[in-house]
Amino acid sequence: MSNKITELLKEAEFKEGGFVFKHIKEGKSNPLVAVQSAVDRMRELHDIEDYEFNSICKELLEVLKNK
């Protein structure tokens, strides 16, 4: 797992009870869209480049699904 993924998982949205976590566990809408929305808001904070965005979102989704 990349350092960026590890750092993003520390954000409130991805922790248990957070916005994205709830979306995935409750089956609300498309969970990838929820992950993309949260990651997009944090792009500058975590220095996420355009070419990294999709792969980071997909990896984050897989990690969250396996929690």
N, C-alpha and C. Protein backbone atom coordinates (compact mmCIF):
# COMPACT_ATOMS: atom_id res chain seq x y z
N MET A 1 0.85 -1.18 0.00
CA MET A 1 0.00 0.00 0.00
C MET A 1 0.90 1.24 0.00
N SER A 2 0.57 2.19 -0.84
CA SER A 2 1.40 3.39 -0.95
C SER A 2 1.23 4.30 0.27
N ASN A 3 2.20 5.17 0.44
CA ASN A 3 2.15 6.12 1.56
C ASN A 3 0.93 7.03 1.46
N LYS A 4 0.55 7.39 0.24
CA LYS A 4 -0.61 8.27 0.06
C LYS A 4 -1.89 7.57 0.51
N ILE A 5 -2.01 6.29 0.20
CA ILE A 5 -3.18 5.53 0.64
C ILE A 5 -3.21 5.46 2.16
N THR A 6 -2.07 5.17 2.76
CA THR A 6 -1.96 5.09 4.21
C THR A 6 -2.36 6.41 4.86
N GLU A 7 -1.89 7.50 4.30
CA GLU A 7 -2.21 8.82 4.84
C GLU A 7 -3.69 9.16 4.65
N LEU A 8 -4.24 8.84 3.49
CA LEU A 8 -5.66 9.10 3.25
C LEU A 8 -6.55 8.32 4.21
N LEU A 9 -6.16 7.11 4.53
CA LEU A 9 -6.97 6.28 5.45
C LEU A 9 -7.04 6.87 6.85
N LYS A 10 -6.17 7.79 7.16
CA LYS A 10 -6.19 8.46 8.47
C LYS A 10 -7.21 9.60 8.52
N GLU A 11 -7.71 10.00 7.36
CA GLU A 11 -8.69 11.08 7.28
C GLU A 11 -10.06 10.60 7.79
N ALA A 12 -10.80 11.51 8.38
CA ALA A 12 -12.10 11.19 9.00
C ALA A 12 -13.09 10.52 8.03
N GLU A 13 -13.08 10.93 6.78
CA GLU A 13 -14.02 10.39 5.80
C GLU A 13 -13.87 8.89 5.60
N PHE A 14 -12.65 8.39 5.81
CA PHE A 14 -12.36 6.99 5.54
C PHE A 14 -12.36 6.12 6.80
N LYS A 15 -12.45 6.74 7.95
CA LYS A 15 -12.48 5.97 9.20
C LYS A 15 -13.88 5.43 9.44
N GLU A 16 -13.98 4.44 10.32
CA GLU A 16 -15.29 3.87 10.64
C GLU A 16 -16.23 4.97 11.10
N GLY A 17 -17.39 5.02 10.48
CA GLY A 17 -18.38 6.05 10.79
C GLY A 17 -18.27 7.28 9.91
N GLY A 18 -17.20 7.36 9.11
CA GLY A 18 -17.00 8.50 8.22
C GLY A 18 -17.87 8.43 6.99
N PHE A 19 -17.91 9.51 6.24
CA PHE A 19 -18.75 9.66 5.05
C PHE A 19 -18.58 8.49 4.07
N VAL A 20 -17.35 8.23 3.65
CA VAL A 20 -17.10 7.19 2.65
C VAL A 20 -17.35 5.81 3.25
N PHE A 21 -16.89 5.61 4.46
CA PHE A 21 -17.07 4.32 5.14
C PHE A 21 -18.56 3.97 5.20
N LYS A 22 -19.39 4.92 5.59
CA LYS A 22 -20.84 4.69 5.67
C LYS A 22 -21.42 4.36 4.30
N HIS A 23 -21.00 5.09 3.27
CA HIS A 23 -21.50 4.84 1.92
C HIS A 23 -21.25 3.41 1.50
N ILE A 24 -20.07 2.93 1.79
CA ILE A 24 -19.71 1.56 1.38
C ILE A 24 -20.49 0.53 2.19
N LYS A 25 -20.51 0.68 3.48
CA LYS A 25 -21.16 -0.30 4.35
C LYS A 25 -22.68 -0.33 4.19
N GLU A 26 -23.28 0.82 3.89
CA GLU A 26 -24.74 0.89 3.75
C GLU A 26 -25.19 0.70 2.30
N GLY A 27 -24.25 0.55 1.38
CA GLY A 27 -24.58 0.32 -0.02
C GLY A 27 -25.25 1.51 -0.69
N LYS A 28 -24.95 2.70 -0.23
CA LYS A 28 -25.52 3.91 -0.83
C LYS A 28 -24.81 4.24 -2.13
N SER A 29 -25.55 4.49 -3.16
CA SER A 29 -25.05 4.88 -4.48
C SER A 29 -23.80 4.11 -4.88
N ASN A 30 -23.00 4.70 -5.72
CA ASN A 30 -21.78 4.06 -6.19
C ASN A 30 -20.65 4.40 -5.22
N PRO A 31 -20.08 3.41 -4.54
CA PRO A 31 -19.04 3.70 -3.56
C PRO A 31 -17.79 4.33 -4.17
N LEU A 32 -17.48 4.01 -5.43
CA LEU A 32 -16.31 4.62 -6.06
C LEU A 32 -16.50 6.13 -6.20
N VAL A 33 -17.71 6.56 -6.48
CA VAL A 33 -18.00 8.00 -6.60
C VAL A 33 -17.78 8.68 -5.25
N ALA A 34 -18.17 8.04 -4.16
CA ALA A 34 -17.95 8.60 -2.83
C ALA A 34 -16.46 8.73 -2.53
N VAL A 35 -15.70 7.71 -2.89
CA VAL A 35 -14.24 7.74 -2.68
C VAL A 35 -13.63 8.85 -3.53
N GLN A 36 -14.02 8.93 -4.79
CA GLN A 36 -13.48 9.95 -5.69
C GLN A 36 -13.79 11.35 -5.19
N SER A 37 -14.99 11.55 -4.68
CA SER A 37 -15.38 12.86 -4.17
C SER A 37 -14.50 13.26 -2.98
N ALA A 38 -14.30 12.34 -2.06
CA ALA A 38 -13.49 12.63 -0.87
C ALA A 38 -12.03 12.86 -1.26
N VAL A 39 -11.49 12.02 -2.12
CA VAL A 39 -10.09 12.16 -2.53
C VAL A 39 -9.90 13.46 -3.29
N ASP A 40 -10.85 13.82 -4.13
CA ASP A 40 -10.75 15.06 -4.90
C ASP A 40 -10.62 16.27 -3.98
N ARG A 41 -11.36 16.27 -2.88
CA ARG A 41 -11.28 17.38 -1.93
C ARG A 41 -9.93 17.43 -1.22
N MET A 42 -9.20 16.33 -1.21
CA MET A 42 -7.93 16.25 -0.48
C MET A 42 -6.71 16.25 -1.40
N ARG A 43 -6.91 16.50 -2.66
CA ARG A 43 -5.80 16.41 -3.64
C ARG A 43 -4.61 17.27 -3.25
N GLU A 44 -4.84 18.52 -2.92
CA GLU A 44 -3.73 19.42 -2.59
C GLU A 44 -3.07 19.01 -1.28
N LEU A 45 -3.87 18.67 -0.31
CA LEU A 45 -3.35 18.30 1.01
C LEU A 45 -2.40 17.11 0.93
N HIS A 46 -2.72 16.15 0.06
CA HIS A 46 -1.93 14.92 -0.04
C HIS A 46 -1.10 14.85 -1.33
N ASP A 47 -0.97 15.96 -2.03
CA ASP A 47 -0.17 16.03 -3.26
C ASP A 47 -0.50 14.91 -4.24
N ILE A 48 -1.76 14.78 -4.56
CA ILE A 48 -2.19 13.74 -5.50
C ILE A 48 -2.23 14.33 -6.90
N GLU A 49 -1.45 13.73 -7.77
CA GLU A 49 -1.36 14.17 -9.16
C GLU A 49 -2.52 13.56 -9.96
N ASP A 50 -2.84 14.18 -11.09
CA ASP A 50 -3.93 13.69 -11.94
C ASP A 50 -3.73 12.24 -12.35
N TYR A 51 -2.49 11.88 -12.71
CA TYR A 51 -2.23 10.52 -13.18
C TYR A 51 -2.38 9.47 -12.07
N GLU A 52 -2.35 9.90 -10.81
CA GLU A 52 -2.48 8.98 -9.67
C GLU A 52 -3.92 8.81 -9.20
N PHE A 53 -4.76 9.78 -9.52
CA PHE A 53 -6.09 9.88 -8.93
C PHE A 53 -6.91 8.59 -9.04
N ASN A 54 -7.10 8.07 -10.24
CA ASN A 54 -7.96 6.89 -10.42
C ASN A 54 -7.42 5.66 -9.70
N SER A 55 -6.13 5.42 -9.80
CA SER A 55 -5.57 4.23 -9.14
C SER A 55 -5.65 4.35 -7.62
N ILE A 56 -5.44 5.54 -7.09
CA ILE A 56 -5.55 5.74 -5.65
C ILE A 56 -6.98 5.49 -5.20
N CYS A 57 -7.95 6.02 -5.93
CA CYS A 57 -9.36 5.85 -5.56
C CYS A 57 -9.76 4.37 -5.58
N LYS A 58 -9.34 3.66 -6.61
CA LYS A 58 -9.69 2.23 -6.72
C LYS A 58 -9.03 1.42 -5.61
N GLU A 59 -7.78 1.73 -5.30
CA GLU A 59 -7.10 1.01 -4.23
C GLU A 59 -7.73 1.31 -2.87
N LEU A 60 -8.07 2.56 -2.64
CA LEU A 60 -8.74 2.94 -1.39
C LEU A 60 -10.06 2.20 -1.24
N LEU A 61 -10.82 2.11 -2.30
CA LEU A 61 -12.10 1.42 -2.26
C LEU A 61 -11.90 -0.05 -1.89
N GLU A 62 -10.93 -0.70 -2.47
CA GLU A 62 -10.65 -2.11 -2.16
C GLU A 62 -10.25 -2.28 -0.69
N VAL A 63 -9.41 -1.39 -0.20
CA VAL A 63 -8.99 -1.47 1.20
C VAL A 63 -10.20 -1.31 2.12
N LEU A 64 -11.06 -0.34 1.82
CA LEU A 64 -12.23 -0.09 2.65
C LEU A 64 -13.23 -1.24 2.60
N LYS A 65 -13.38 -1.84 1.44
CA LYS A 65 -14.30 -2.98 1.32
C LYS A 65 -13.83 -4.16 2.15
N ASN A 66 -12.54 -4.29 2.32
CA ASN A 66 -11.97 -5.42 3.06
C ASN A 66 -11.88 -5.17 4.55
N LYS A 67 -12.29 -4.02 5.01
CA LYS A 67 -12.26 -3.73 6.46
C LYS A 67 -13.41 -4.39 7.15
